[in-house]
Amino acid sequence: MSEQQSDLESSESSLNTEKLWYVYLIRTRSNSLYCGVTVDVERRFKQHQTGKQGAKSLKGKGPLTLAWSECIGNKRQAMQIEYRIKRLVKAKKEALIQGKWQVTSLLDSI
């Protein structure tokens, strides 16, 4: 095997092990929405619920419900989508949760 082939396989292998990032929305008791990013939605949601390593802005606002999540791809894209979602009006966020509006429209502008 040539050195070039070995390098190619090594880079392909590292691409395959790159973690997928998710964007999520959590609904609070007062019906407000919190947006975040993670590689493990279930683990992160539990952290928010218990208050350990969860967002300070969610403490005392339970019960919390995971309203929506979607796999975005890499961390950079997920953080860009999170930023855009946070700037949306609540009606757009609700449409996203209900499936009436797609997050892919936010990806087009990245």
N, C-alpha and C. Protein backbone atom coordinates (compact mmCIF):
# COMPACT_ATOMS: atom_id res chain seq x y z
N MET A 1 0.85 -1.17 0.00
CA MET A 1 0.00 0.00 0.00
C MET A 1 0.90 1.24 0.00
N SER A 2 0.56 2.19 -0.85
CA SER A 2 1.37 3.41 -0.93
C SER A 2 1.07 4.33 0.24
N GLU A 3 1.98 5.26 0.48
CA GLU A 3 1.79 6.23 1.56
C GLU A 3 0.57 7.09 1.30
N GLN A 4 0.35 7.42 0.02
CA GLN A 4 -0.80 8.25 -0.35
C GLN A 4 -2.11 7.53 -0.05
N GLN A 5 -2.17 6.23 -0.38
CA GLN A 5 -3.38 5.46 -0.10
C GLN A 5 -3.63 5.38 1.40
N SER A 6 -2.55 5.18 2.16
CA SER A 6 -2.66 5.10 3.61
C SER A 6 -3.20 6.41 4.19
N ASP A 7 -2.69 7.54 3.69
CA ASP A 7 -3.16 8.85 4.15
C ASP A 7 -4.63 9.05 3.81
N LEU A 8 -5.02 8.62 2.61
CA LEU A 8 -6.41 8.75 2.18
C LEU A 8 -7.33 7.93 3.08
N GLU A 9 -6.95 6.68 3.36
CA GLU A 9 -7.77 5.84 4.22
C GLU A 9 -7.84 6.41 5.63
N SER A 10 -6.73 6.97 6.11
CA SER A 10 -6.70 7.56 7.44
C SER A 10 -7.65 8.76 7.51
N SER A 11 -7.65 9.61 6.48
CA SER A 11 -8.53 10.78 6.49
C SER A 11 -9.99 10.35 6.34
N GLU A 12 -10.27 9.31 5.56
CA GLU A 12 -11.63 8.81 5.44
C GLU A 12 -12.11 8.24 6.77
N SER A 13 -11.21 7.54 7.46
CA SER A 13 -11.55 6.96 8.75
C SER A 13 -11.88 8.05 9.76
N SER A 14 -11.11 9.13 9.77
CA SER A 14 -11.38 10.20 10.73
C SER A 14 -12.68 10.92 10.39
N LEU A 15 -13.04 10.97 9.10
CA LEU A 15 -14.31 11.58 8.73
C LEU A 15 -15.47 10.73 9.24
N ASN A 16 -15.31 9.42 9.19
CA ASN A 16 -16.37 8.52 9.62
C ASN A 16 -16.56 8.56 11.13
N THR A 17 -15.52 8.92 11.88
CA THR A 17 -15.64 8.96 13.34
C THR A 17 -16.03 10.34 13.84
N GLU A 18 -16.13 11.32 12.95
CA GLU A 18 -16.54 12.66 13.37
C GLU A 18 -17.97 12.59 13.89
N LYS A 19 -18.19 13.22 15.04
CA LYS A 19 -19.50 13.15 15.68
C LYS A 19 -20.51 14.00 14.93
N LEU A 20 -21.75 13.52 14.93
CA LEU A 20 -22.86 14.28 14.35
C LEU A 20 -23.42 15.20 15.42
N TRP A 21 -23.73 16.41 15.04
CA TRP A 21 -24.24 17.41 15.96
C TRP A 21 -25.73 17.64 15.72
N TYR A 22 -26.45 17.90 16.80
CA TYR A 22 -27.89 18.11 16.76
C TYR A 22 -28.23 19.50 17.32
N VAL A 23 -29.30 20.05 16.80
CA VAL A 23 -29.88 21.27 17.36
C VAL A 23 -31.20 20.83 17.99
N TYR A 24 -31.54 21.40 19.15
CA TYR A 24 -32.77 20.99 19.83
C TYR A 24 -33.48 22.18 20.44
N LEU A 25 -34.77 22.00 20.67
CA LEU A 25 -35.60 23.00 21.36
C LEU A 25 -36.25 22.33 22.56
N ILE A 26 -36.15 22.98 23.71
CA ILE A 26 -36.77 22.51 24.94
C ILE A 26 -37.85 23.51 25.33
N ARG A 27 -39.02 22.97 25.69
CA ARG A 27 -40.14 23.82 26.14
C ARG A 27 -40.18 23.81 27.67
N THR A 28 -40.34 25.00 28.24
CA THR A 28 -40.41 25.13 29.69
C THR A 28 -41.87 25.15 30.16
N ARG A 29 -42.04 25.16 31.47
CA ARG A 29 -43.37 25.21 32.07
C ARG A 29 -44.15 26.43 31.59
N SER A 30 -43.47 27.54 31.39
CA SER A 30 -44.14 28.78 30.96
C SER A 30 -44.30 28.86 29.43
N ASN A 31 -44.01 27.75 28.75
CA ASN A 31 -44.17 27.63 27.30
C ASN A 31 -43.10 28.39 26.50
N SER A 32 -42.03 28.82 27.17
CA SER A 32 -40.93 29.43 26.42
C SER A 32 -40.06 28.33 25.83
N LEU A 33 -39.27 28.68 24.83
CA LEU A 33 -38.43 27.71 24.15
C LEU A 33 -36.96 28.04 24.32
N TYR A 34 -36.18 27.01 24.61
CA TYR A 34 -34.73 27.14 24.75
C TYR A 34 -34.09 26.34 23.62
N CYS A 35 -33.11 26.92 22.94
CA CYS A 35 -32.43 26.26 21.84
C CYS A 35 -30.99 25.96 22.23
N GLY A 36 -30.51 24.77 21.85
CA GLY A 36 -29.13 24.39 22.13
C GLY A 36 -28.61 23.42 21.10
N VAL A 37 -27.31 23.07 21.23
CA VAL A 37 -26.67 22.09 20.35
C VAL A 37 -25.96 21.04 21.19
N THR A 38 -25.85 19.84 20.66
CA THR A 38 -25.18 18.75 21.37
C THR A 38 -24.90 17.60 20.40
N VAL A 39 -24.08 16.66 20.86
CA VAL A 39 -23.86 15.43 20.08
C VAL A 39 -24.75 14.31 20.61
N ASP A 40 -25.36 14.50 21.79
CA ASP A 40 -26.21 13.49 22.41
C ASP A 40 -27.43 14.17 23.03
N VAL A 41 -28.51 14.21 22.28
CA VAL A 41 -29.71 14.94 22.71
C VAL A 41 -30.29 14.37 24.00
N GLU A 42 -30.37 13.07 24.10
CA GLU A 42 -30.96 12.43 25.28
C GLU A 42 -30.16 12.78 26.54
N ARG A 43 -28.84 12.65 26.47
CA ARG A 43 -27.98 12.96 27.61
C ARG A 43 -28.09 14.44 28.00
N ARG A 44 -28.07 15.31 26.99
CA ARG A 44 -28.12 16.75 27.26
C ARG A 44 -29.47 17.15 27.89
N PHE A 45 -30.55 16.55 27.38
CA PHE A 45 -31.87 16.85 27.93
C PHE A 45 -31.95 16.44 29.39
N LYS A 46 -31.40 15.27 29.73
CA LYS A 46 -31.37 14.81 31.12
C LYS A 46 -30.58 15.78 31.99
N GLN A 47 -29.47 16.31 31.45
CA GLN A 47 -28.68 17.28 32.20
C GLN A 47 -29.50 18.54 32.48
N HIS A 48 -30.26 18.98 31.50
CA HIS A 48 -31.12 20.15 31.70
C HIS A 48 -32.19 19.85 32.75
N GLN A 49 -32.76 18.67 32.70
CA GLN A 49 -33.83 18.30 33.65
C GLN A 49 -33.33 18.24 35.09
N THR A 50 -32.15 17.68 35.28
CA THR A 50 -31.61 17.53 36.63
C THR A 50 -30.96 18.80 37.16
N GLY A 51 -30.64 19.71 36.26
CA GLY A 51 -29.98 20.95 36.66
C GLY A 51 -28.47 20.82 36.76
N LYS A 52 -27.96 19.59 36.61
CA LYS A 52 -26.52 19.37 36.65
C LYS A 52 -25.95 19.56 35.25
N GLN A 53 -25.10 20.52 35.11
CA GLN A 53 -24.47 20.86 33.83
C GLN A 53 -25.48 21.33 32.79
N GLY A 54 -26.67 21.67 33.23
CA GLY A 54 -27.69 22.20 32.32
C GLY A 54 -27.57 23.71 32.24
N ALA A 55 -28.30 24.28 31.31
CA ALA A 55 -28.28 25.74 31.14
C ALA A 55 -28.87 26.43 32.36
N LYS A 56 -28.20 27.45 32.83
CA LYS A 56 -28.68 28.21 33.99
C LYS A 56 -30.05 28.81 33.72
N SER A 57 -30.30 29.18 32.47
CA SER A 57 -31.57 29.81 32.13
C SER A 57 -32.76 28.85 32.25
N LEU A 58 -32.50 27.54 32.38
CA LEU A 58 -33.59 26.57 32.51
C LEU A 58 -33.83 26.13 33.95
N LYS A 59 -32.95 26.50 34.86
CA LYS A 59 -33.09 26.08 36.26
C LYS A 59 -34.38 26.64 36.85
N GLY A 60 -35.15 25.74 37.47
CA GLY A 60 -36.40 26.14 38.11
C GLY A 60 -37.54 26.39 37.15
N LYS A 61 -37.38 26.05 35.90
CA LYS A 61 -38.43 26.33 34.90
C LYS A 61 -39.12 25.06 34.43
N GLY A 62 -38.88 23.95 35.13
CA GLY A 62 -39.48 22.68 34.75
C GLY A 62 -40.94 22.60 35.16
N PRO A 63 -41.64 21.58 34.71
CA PRO A 63 -41.08 20.48 33.94
C PRO A 63 -40.70 20.90 32.52
N LEU A 64 -39.63 20.30 32.04
CA LEU A 64 -39.14 20.58 30.69
C LEU A 64 -39.57 19.45 29.75
N THR A 65 -39.82 19.81 28.51
CA THR A 65 -40.11 18.79 27.50
C THR A 65 -39.23 19.05 26.29
N LEU A 66 -38.74 17.98 25.72
CA LEU A 66 -37.97 18.10 24.49
C LEU A 66 -38.97 18.27 23.36
N ALA A 67 -39.03 19.45 22.79
CA ALA A 67 -40.04 19.78 21.79
C ALA A 67 -39.61 19.37 20.38
N TRP A 68 -38.30 19.44 20.10
CA TRP A 68 -37.83 19.20 18.73
C TRP A 68 -36.33 19.00 18.74
N SER A 69 -35.83 18.17 17.84
CA SER A 69 -34.39 18.06 17.61
C SER A 69 -34.17 17.57 16.18
N GLU A 70 -33.02 17.94 15.66
CA GLU A 70 -32.67 17.51 14.30
C GLU A 70 -31.16 17.41 14.16
N CYS A 71 -30.73 16.36 13.48
CA CYS A 71 -29.31 16.18 13.20
C CYS A 71 -28.91 17.17 12.11
N ILE A 72 -27.87 17.93 12.38
CA ILE A 72 -27.43 18.94 11.43
C ILE A 72 -26.17 18.51 10.70
N GLY A 73 -25.26 17.88 11.37
CA GLY A 73 -24.00 17.46 10.75
C GLY A 73 -22.84 17.85 11.64
N ASN A 74 -22.04 18.79 11.19
CA ASN A 74 -20.87 19.16 11.99
C ASN A 74 -21.19 20.27 12.99
N LYS A 75 -20.26 20.49 13.91
CA LYS A 75 -20.47 21.45 14.99
C LYS A 75 -20.67 22.87 14.47
N ARG A 76 -19.89 23.25 13.49
CA ARG A 76 -19.97 24.61 12.94
C ARG A 76 -21.37 24.89 12.38
N GLN A 77 -21.88 23.95 11.58
CA GLN A 77 -23.22 24.12 11.01
C GLN A 77 -24.28 24.14 12.11
N ALA A 78 -24.15 23.26 13.10
CA ALA A 78 -25.12 23.19 14.18
C ALA A 78 -25.17 24.52 14.96
N MET A 79 -24.00 25.09 15.22
CA MET A 79 -23.96 26.35 15.95
C MET A 79 -24.52 27.50 15.12
N GLN A 80 -24.32 27.45 13.82
CA GLN A 80 -24.88 28.49 12.94
C GLN A 80 -26.41 28.38 12.90
N ILE A 81 -26.91 27.15 12.83
CA ILE A 81 -28.36 26.94 12.83
C ILE A 81 -28.94 27.37 14.17
N GLU A 82 -28.27 27.02 15.27
CA GLU A 82 -28.73 27.43 16.61
C GLU A 82 -28.85 28.95 16.66
N TYR A 83 -27.86 29.65 16.18
CA TYR A 83 -27.87 31.12 16.18
C TYR A 83 -29.07 31.65 15.40
N ARG A 84 -29.33 31.05 14.25
CA ARG A 84 -30.45 31.50 13.41
C ARG A 84 -31.80 31.19 14.06
N ILE A 85 -31.91 30.01 14.68
CA ILE A 85 -33.16 29.65 15.35
C ILE A 85 -33.43 30.60 16.51
N LYS A 86 -32.41 30.94 17.27
CA LYS A 86 -32.58 31.85 18.40
C LYS A 86 -33.07 33.23 17.96
N ARG A 87 -32.80 33.58 16.73
CA ARG A 87 -33.24 34.89 16.22
C ARG A 87 -34.63 34.85 15.60
N LEU A 88 -35.21 33.66 15.45
CA LEU A 88 -36.55 33.52 14.87
C LEU A 88 -37.62 33.97 15.86
N VAL A 89 -38.73 34.45 15.34
CA VAL A 89 -39.88 34.74 16.19
C VAL A 89 -40.45 33.41 16.67
N LYS A 90 -41.19 33.45 17.77
CA LYS A 90 -41.69 32.21 18.36
C LYS A 90 -42.61 31.44 17.40
N ALA A 91 -43.38 32.14 16.60
CA ALA A 91 -44.28 31.47 15.66
C ALA A 91 -43.50 30.59 14.67
N LYS A 92 -42.34 31.06 14.24
CA LYS A 92 -41.50 30.26 13.33
C LYS A 92 -40.94 29.04 14.05
N LYS A 93 -40.55 29.22 15.31
CA LYS A 93 -40.04 28.09 16.10
C LYS A 93 -41.15 27.05 16.28
N GLU A 94 -42.37 27.51 16.54
CA GLU A 94 -43.51 26.59 16.69
C GLU A 94 -43.78 25.85 15.38
N ALA A 95 -43.66 26.56 14.26
CA ALA A 95 -43.85 25.93 12.94
C ALA A 95 -42.78 24.86 12.71
N LEU A 96 -41.57 25.12 13.16
CA LEU A 96 -40.48 24.16 13.05
C LEU A 96 -40.81 22.91 13.87
N ILE A 97 -41.30 23.09 15.08
CA ILE A 97 -41.67 21.99 15.96
C ILE A 97 -42.80 21.16 15.34
N GLN A 98 -43.77 21.83 14.75
CA GLN A 98 -44.94 21.15 14.16
C GLN A 98 -44.65 20.55 12.79
N GLY A 99 -43.46 20.79 12.26
CA GLY A 99 -43.10 20.24 10.96
C GLY A 99 -43.66 21.03 9.79
N LYS A 100 -44.17 22.23 10.06
CA LYS A 100 -44.73 23.07 9.00
C LYS A 100 -43.66 23.92 8.32
N TRP A 101 -42.47 23.89 8.91
CA TRP A 101 -41.36 24.68 8.39
C TRP A 101 -40.10 23.87 8.61
N GLN A 102 -39.21 23.85 7.64
CA GLN A 102 -38.03 22.99 7.71
C GLN A 102 -36.76 23.77 8.04
N VAL A 103 -35.92 23.16 8.84
CA VAL A 103 -34.65 23.77 9.22
C VAL A 103 -33.71 23.88 8.00
N THR A 104 -33.97 23.10 6.98
CA THR A 104 -33.13 23.15 5.77
C THR A 104 -33.15 24.52 5.12
N SER A 105 -34.23 25.26 5.33
CA SER A 105 -34.26 26.62 4.76
C SER A 105 -33.23 27.52 5.44
N LEU A 106 -32.87 27.21 6.68
CA LEU A 106 -31.81 27.95 7.36
C LEU A 106 -30.43 27.51 6.86
N LEU A 107 -30.31 26.25 6.45
CA LEU A 107 -29.05 25.74 5.94
C LEU A 107 -28.67 26.39 4.62
N ASP A 108 -29.68 26.74 3.84
CA ASP A 108 -29.43 27.34 2.53
C ASP A 108 -28.65 28.64 2.63
N SER A 109 -28.80 29.34 3.73
CA SER A 109 -28.15 30.64 3.86
C SER A 109 -26.75 30.55 4.49
N ILE A 110 -26.30 29.34 4.78
CA ILE A 110 -24.97 29.16 5.40
C ILE A 110 -23.91 29.07 4.31
